Amino acid sequence: MTVARRKGWRGFRVLAALIAFLALAAPASAEDEHALMALPADVMQFLGIYAAQDLGFWKHEGLEVKTDFIAGVGSFNAVVSGAADFSVSSSAALTRAAAHGQRMLAIANMIDKPVWGVVVSKKNADAAHFDPKAPLAERARILNGKKMSIDAVNSVVDAYLRVIEKAGGIDLDRAVFAPMQPPAAFAAFVRGALDGFVAGPPWPQRVEQDGTGVIIASPVTNDPDWIVPNGSGVVVTRPQYCAEHRPICVKMGRGLAAGAKLIHDDPAKALALM
């Protein structure tokens, strides 16, 4: 090896060592910040959150967000306990916590109405001569004696089904509920183990399109008429968390805003994420 080449190689090694030293000595960057978000279900109404994660909107802000599935109100309780930093919950969970003296902080609302559908099998609908244009009280009576799936006991989905059944004059003490997540509920519905289920998109639309199910009620069609507007995708954290980690909360909000903007500006791209 010539003298010139040896000097060049030595210079390269010195430069590499300097870069490595600077990387170790530099303070932690914003990219090193992390947050854990608990999701209560895997449903289409969280599309803005999926977009923020899958398209790198949080990453662009310098925030790594891990999402964990914790069914129903468990996701909200995980934030209360400190096991998670953020959750996506309903406004009902937020106000219920406040009523019990547990003040939480909502930093965003991703959707202003629930998008669930109460579904019964086409077989049951035909047997009852179901009329989709009838008043809610009449439509809801079809649920009497039916075995229905909800995501979790005491969740807002559970509460919504009870509201619809109450509208139909059904004795709630005799109602049959089977807690399970939408994919499992769909499988049970297909094999006839359930008469119906309550879930968000795409599950109700799927059975409606393939002709095996009928949506008898949904907040999307104002069933009941007082349910809208309603915070159905409230991103919640502990107030002290944002006081201690303000940059993370700001970046979380910016990523969520970018996800919501994508849905409005490029719905086809957003839908492709599903």
Protein backbone atom coordinates (compact mmCIF):
# COMPACT_ATOMS: atom_id res chain seq x y z
CA MET A 1 0.00 0.00 0.00
CA THR A 2 1.45 3.38 -0.98
CA VAL A 3 2.06 6.15 1.54
CA ALA A 4 -0.75 8.21 0.02
CA ARG A 5 -3.22 5.34 0.31
CA ARG A 6 -2.13 4.61 3.91
CA LYS A 7 -2.68 8.25 4.81
CA GLY A 8 -6.08 8.23 3.09
CA TRP A 9 -7.15 5.08 4.95
CA ARG A 10 -5.91 6.51 8.25
CA GLY A 11 -7.85 9.70 7.59
CA PHE A 12 -11.01 7.73 6.85
CA ARG A 13 -10.67 5.80 10.12
CA VAL A 14 -10.18 9.01 12.08
CA LEU A 15 -13.27 10.52 10.43
CA ALA A 16 -15.34 7.41 11.17
CA ALA A 17 -14.22 7.44 14.81
CA LEU A 18 -15.12 11.12 15.08
CA ILE A 19 -18.60 10.53 13.65
CA ALA A 20 -19.15 7.65 16.08
CA PHE A 21 -18.00 9.81 19.01
CA LEU A 22 -20.30 12.65 18.04
CA ALA A 23 -23.23 10.28 17.69
CA LEU A 24 -22.65 8.97 21.21
CA ALA A 25 -21.97 12.36 22.73
CA ALA A 26 -24.92 14.16 21.11
CA PRO A 27 -28.00 14.65 23.27
CA ALA A 28 -31.01 12.43 22.57
CA SER A 29 -32.96 13.67 19.57
CA ALA A 30 -36.70 14.09 19.27
CA GLU A 31 -36.73 10.80 17.37
CA ASP A 32 -35.93 9.03 20.62
CA GLU A 33 -39.28 10.00 22.14
CA HIS A 34 -41.81 7.20 22.54
CA ALA A 35 -45.46 6.83 23.49
CA LEU A 36 -47.83 3.93 24.01
CA MET A 37 -51.43 4.20 22.78
CA ALA A 38 -54.12 1.72 23.83
CA LEU A 39 -56.86 0.97 21.28
CA PRO A 40 -60.15 -0.59 22.46
CA ALA A 41 -60.97 -2.26 19.13
CA ASP A 42 -59.74 -2.74 15.59
CA VAL A 43 -62.30 -0.77 13.61
CA MET A 44 -62.47 1.60 10.70
CA GLN A 45 -63.36 4.63 12.83
CA PHE A 46 -59.71 4.70 13.94
CA LEU A 47 -58.56 5.21 10.37
CA GLY A 48 -56.96 8.58 11.15
CA ILE A 49 -54.83 6.89 13.80
CA TYR A 50 -53.84 4.07 11.45
CA ALA A 51 -52.84 6.69 8.88
CA ALA A 52 -50.71 8.58 11.39
CA GLN A 53 -48.86 5.37 12.21
CA ASP A 54 -48.66 3.59 8.85
CA LEU A 55 -47.81 6.65 6.77
CA GLY A 56 -45.21 7.93 9.22
CA PHE A 57 -46.91 11.15 10.32
CA TRP A 58 -45.79 10.61 13.91
CA LYS A 59 -42.37 9.49 12.75
CA HIS A 60 -42.05 12.72 10.78
CA GLU A 61 -42.68 14.64 13.99
CA GLY A 62 -39.98 12.66 15.77
CA LEU A 63 -42.30 10.40 17.75
CA GLU A 64 -42.41 6.61 17.87
CA VAL A 65 -45.92 5.44 18.78
CA LYS A 66 -46.66 1.84 19.71
CA THR A 67 -50.31 0.77 19.69
CA ASP A 68 -51.64 -2.03 21.87
CA PHE A 69 -55.09 -3.60 21.79
CA ILE A 70 -56.94 -3.58 25.13
CA ALA A 71 -60.63 -4.37 24.74
CA GLY A 72 -63.36 -1.90 25.62
CA VAL A 73 -63.01 0.31 28.70
CA GLY A 74 -59.75 -1.48 29.52
CA SER A 75 -57.91 0.87 27.15
CA PHE A 76 -59.12 3.94 29.05
CA ASN A 77 -58.33 2.31 32.39
CA ALA A 78 -54.81 1.57 31.17
CA VAL A 79 -54.21 5.31 30.82
CA VAL A 80 -55.74 6.04 34.22
CA SER A 81 -53.40 3.50 35.82
CA GLY A 82 -50.34 4.74 33.89
CA ALA A 83 -49.90 1.49 31.94
CA ALA A 84 -50.46 3.41 28.67
CA ASP A 85 -49.81 7.04 27.74
CA PHE A 86 -52.83 7.57 25.48
CA SER A 87 -56.06 5.80 24.64
CA VAL A 88 -58.88 6.28 22.18
CA SER A 89 -62.14 6.31 24.06
CA SER A 90 -65.59 7.82 24.01
CA SER A 91 -66.69 11.05 25.59
CA ALA A 92 -68.82 8.89 27.89
CA ALA A 93 -65.68 7.33 29.38
CA LEU A 94 -64.22 10.79 29.89
CA THR A 95 -67.27 12.15 31.70
CA ARG A 96 -67.74 8.95 33.71
CA ALA A 97 -64.18 9.25 35.00
CA ALA A 98 -64.75 12.90 35.89
CA ALA A 99 -67.90 11.97 37.82
CA HIS A 100 -65.75 9.64 39.93
CA GLY A 101 -63.14 12.34 40.59
CA GLN A 102 -60.65 11.14 37.98
CA ARG A 103 -59.91 14.12 35.75
CA MET A 104 -58.43 13.19 32.39
CA LEU A 105 -57.26 15.27 29.44
CA ALA A 106 -58.69 14.98 25.91
CA ILE A 107 -56.29 16.30 23.28
CA ALA A 108 -58.28 15.41 20.14
CA ASN A 109 -61.59 14.05 18.90
CA MET A 110 -61.19 12.06 15.71
CA ILE A 111 -64.88 11.48 14.96
CA ASP A 112 -68.03 13.30 16.08
CA LYS A 113 -70.49 10.41 15.93
CA PRO A 114 -70.42 6.68 16.67
CA VAL A 115 -70.46 4.58 13.52
CA TRP A 116 -71.62 1.24 14.90
CA GLY A 117 -74.32 -0.84 13.32
CA VAL A 118 -76.73 -3.15 15.14
CA VAL A 119 -76.97 -6.20 12.90
CA VAL A 120 -79.31 -9.18 12.86
CA SER A 121 -79.24 -12.08 10.47
CA LYS A 122 -81.21 -11.84 7.24
CA LYS A 123 -83.01 -15.01 8.32
CA ASN A 124 -84.27 -13.35 11.51
CA ALA A 125 -85.16 -10.15 9.64
CA ASP A 126 -87.21 -12.02 7.05
CA ALA A 127 -88.99 -14.09 9.71
CA ALA A 128 -90.01 -10.89 11.52
CA HIS A 129 -91.01 -9.12 8.27
CA PHE A 130 -88.52 -6.40 9.19
CA ASP A 131 -89.26 -2.93 7.77
CA PRO A 132 -86.10 -0.76 7.60
CA LYS A 133 -88.25 2.37 7.28
CA ALA A 134 -90.28 1.73 10.42
CA PRO A 135 -89.76 3.88 13.55
CA LEU A 136 -86.86 2.85 15.79
CA ALA A 137 -89.16 1.45 18.49
CA GLU A 138 -90.68 -0.96 15.98
CA ARG A 139 -87.37 -1.92 14.39
CA ALA A 140 -85.77 -2.56 17.78
CA ARG A 141 -88.38 -5.14 18.78
CA ILE A 142 -86.71 -7.62 16.47
CA LEU A 143 -83.93 -7.93 19.08
CA ASN A 144 -86.21 -9.53 21.65
CA GLY A 145 -84.77 -12.92 22.64
CA LYS A 146 -81.81 -12.62 20.28
CA LYS A 147 -78.25 -13.51 21.24
CA MET A 148 -76.17 -10.45 20.38
CA SER A 149 -72.42 -9.85 20.47
CA ILE A 150 -70.79 -6.75 22.00
CA ASP A 151 -67.10 -5.89 22.25
CA ALA A 152 -66.96 -5.81 26.07
CA VAL A 153 -69.28 -5.51 29.04
CA ASN A 154 -69.87 -1.89 30.16
CA SER A 155 -68.34 -0.49 26.98
CA VAL A 156 -70.10 2.21 24.96
CA VAL A 157 -71.04 -0.48 22.42
CA ASP A 158 -72.72 -2.40 25.23
CA ALA A 159 -74.50 0.80 26.32
CA TYR A 160 -75.64 1.54 22.77
CA LEU A 161 -77.19 -1.91 22.32
CA ARG A 162 -79.05 -1.45 25.61
CA VAL A 163 -80.36 1.92 24.41
CA ILE A 164 -81.70 0.35 21.23
CA GLU A 165 -83.24 -2.60 23.06
CA LYS A 166 -84.83 -0.25 25.59
CA ALA A 167 -86.33 1.72 22.71
CA GLY A 168 -87.97 -1.53 21.60
CA GLY A 169 -89.41 -2.18 25.04
CA ILE A 170 -87.18 -5.20 25.63
CA ASP A 171 -86.51 -6.39 29.20
CA LEU A 172 -82.77 -5.72 29.55
CA ASP A 173 -82.48 -8.17 32.45
CA ARG A 174 -83.37 -10.96 30.04
CA ALA A 175 -81.19 -9.78 27.15
CA VAL A 176 -78.39 -12.13 26.07
CA PHE A 177 -74.99 -10.54 25.39
CA ALA A 178 -71.85 -12.33 24.21
CA PRO A 179 -68.66 -10.24 24.62
CA MET A 180 -66.22 -10.80 21.76
CA GLN A 181 -64.24 -8.71 19.33
CA PRO A 182 -65.61 -7.98 15.82
CA PRO A 183 -63.57 -10.60 13.89
CA ALA A 184 -64.62 -13.33 16.32
CA ALA A 185 -68.21 -12.05 16.36
CA PHE A 186 -68.29 -12.12 12.57
CA ALA A 187 -67.06 -15.72 12.51
CA ALA A 188 -69.67 -16.75 15.12
CA PHE A 189 -72.38 -14.93 13.16
CA VAL A 190 -71.42 -16.71 9.94
CA ARG A 191 -71.71 -20.16 11.54
CA GLY A 192 -75.04 -19.26 13.18
CA ALA A 193 -73.85 -19.13 16.79
CA LEU A 194 -75.09 -15.53 17.09
CA ASP A 195 -78.32 -13.88 16.01
CA GLY A 196 -76.54 -10.58 15.54
CA PHE A 197 -73.79 -8.24 16.69
CA VAL A 198 -72.89 -4.60 17.23
CA ALA A 199 -69.70 -3.30 15.63
CA GLY A 200 -68.21 -0.51 13.59
CA PRO A 201 -67.25 -0.65 9.91
CA PRO A 202 -66.46 -2.73 7.97
CA TRP A 203 -68.27 -5.60 9.72
CA PRO A 204 -71.93 -4.48 9.46
CA GLN A 205 -71.42 -3.37 5.87
CA ARG A 206 -69.79 -6.68 5.01
CA VAL A 207 -72.76 -8.83 6.06
CA GLU A 208 -75.18 -6.36 4.50
CA GLN A 209 -73.37 -6.55 1.17
CA ASP A 210 -73.14 -10.34 1.13
CA GLY A 211 -76.83 -10.59 2.02
CA THR A 212 -76.45 -12.46 5.32
CA GLY A 213 -77.27 -9.58 7.66
CA VAL A 214 -79.42 -6.47 8.06
CA ILE A 215 -78.49 -3.25 9.88
CA ILE A 216 -81.50 -2.40 12.01
CA ALA A 217 -80.11 0.69 13.77
CA SER A 218 -77.06 2.94 13.66
CA PRO A 219 -76.01 6.34 15.03
CA VAL A 220 -75.05 7.18 11.44
CA THR A 221 -78.78 7.28 10.64
CA ASN A 222 -79.56 9.10 13.91
CA ASP A 223 -80.83 6.09 15.86
CA PRO A 224 -81.79 7.54 18.31
CA ASP A 225 -82.03 11.16 17.20
CA TRP A 226 -80.33 12.57 20.34
CA ILE A 227 -77.09 10.63 19.96
CA VAL A 228 -75.36 13.06 17.56
CA PRO A 229 -73.02 14.89 18.03
CA ASN A 230 -71.01 12.57 20.19
CA GLY A 231 -67.28 12.31 20.80
CA SER A 232 -66.58 8.79 19.59
CA GLY A 233 -62.84 8.93 18.98
CA VAL A 234 -61.50 10.97 21.89
CA VAL A 235 -57.74 10.71 22.38
CA VAL A 236 -57.20 10.78 26.13
CA THR A 237 -54.21 11.08 28.41
CA ARG A 238 -53.47 12.06 31.99
CA PRO A 239 -53.20 15.84 32.54
CA GLN A 240 -49.90 15.41 34.34
CA TYR A 241 -48.48 13.46 31.41
CA CYS A 242 -48.78 16.42 29.07
CA ALA A 243 -47.46 18.75 31.75
CA GLU A 244 -44.35 16.59 32.03
CA HIS A 245 -44.08 15.57 28.35
CA ARG A 246 -45.46 18.51 26.44
CA PRO A 247 -43.40 17.84 23.26
CA ILE A 248 -44.83 14.31 23.02
CA CYS A 249 -48.40 15.57 23.36
CA VAL A 250 -47.79 18.23 20.71
CA LYS A 251 -46.31 15.68 18.30
CA MET A 252 -49.13 13.26 19.02
CA GLY A 253 -51.65 15.98 18.13
CA ARG A 254 -49.83 16.95 14.95
CA GLY A 255 -49.74 13.33 13.77
CA LEU A 256 -53.46 12.92 14.46
CA ALA A 257 -54.25 16.13 12.59
CA ALA A 258 -52.24 14.88 9.60
CA GLY A 259 -54.14 11.58 9.68
CA ALA A 260 -57.50 13.34 9.72
CA LYS A 261 -56.40 15.66 6.90
CA LEU A 262 -55.43 12.69 4.74
CA ILE A 263 -58.92 11.19 5.10
CA HIS A 264 -60.48 14.43 3.85
CA ASP A 265 -57.92 15.21 1.14
CA ASP A 266 -57.26 11.72 -0.23
CA PRO A 267 -59.99 9.29 0.90
CA ALA A 268 -58.94 6.63 -1.61
CA LYS A 269 -55.42 6.50 -0.15
CA ALA A 270 -56.83 6.43 3.37
CA LEU A 271 -59.24 3.61 2.51
CA ALA A 272 -56.39 1.60 1.00
CA LEU A 273 -54.80 1.45 4.46
CA MET A 274 -57.70 -0.70 5.65
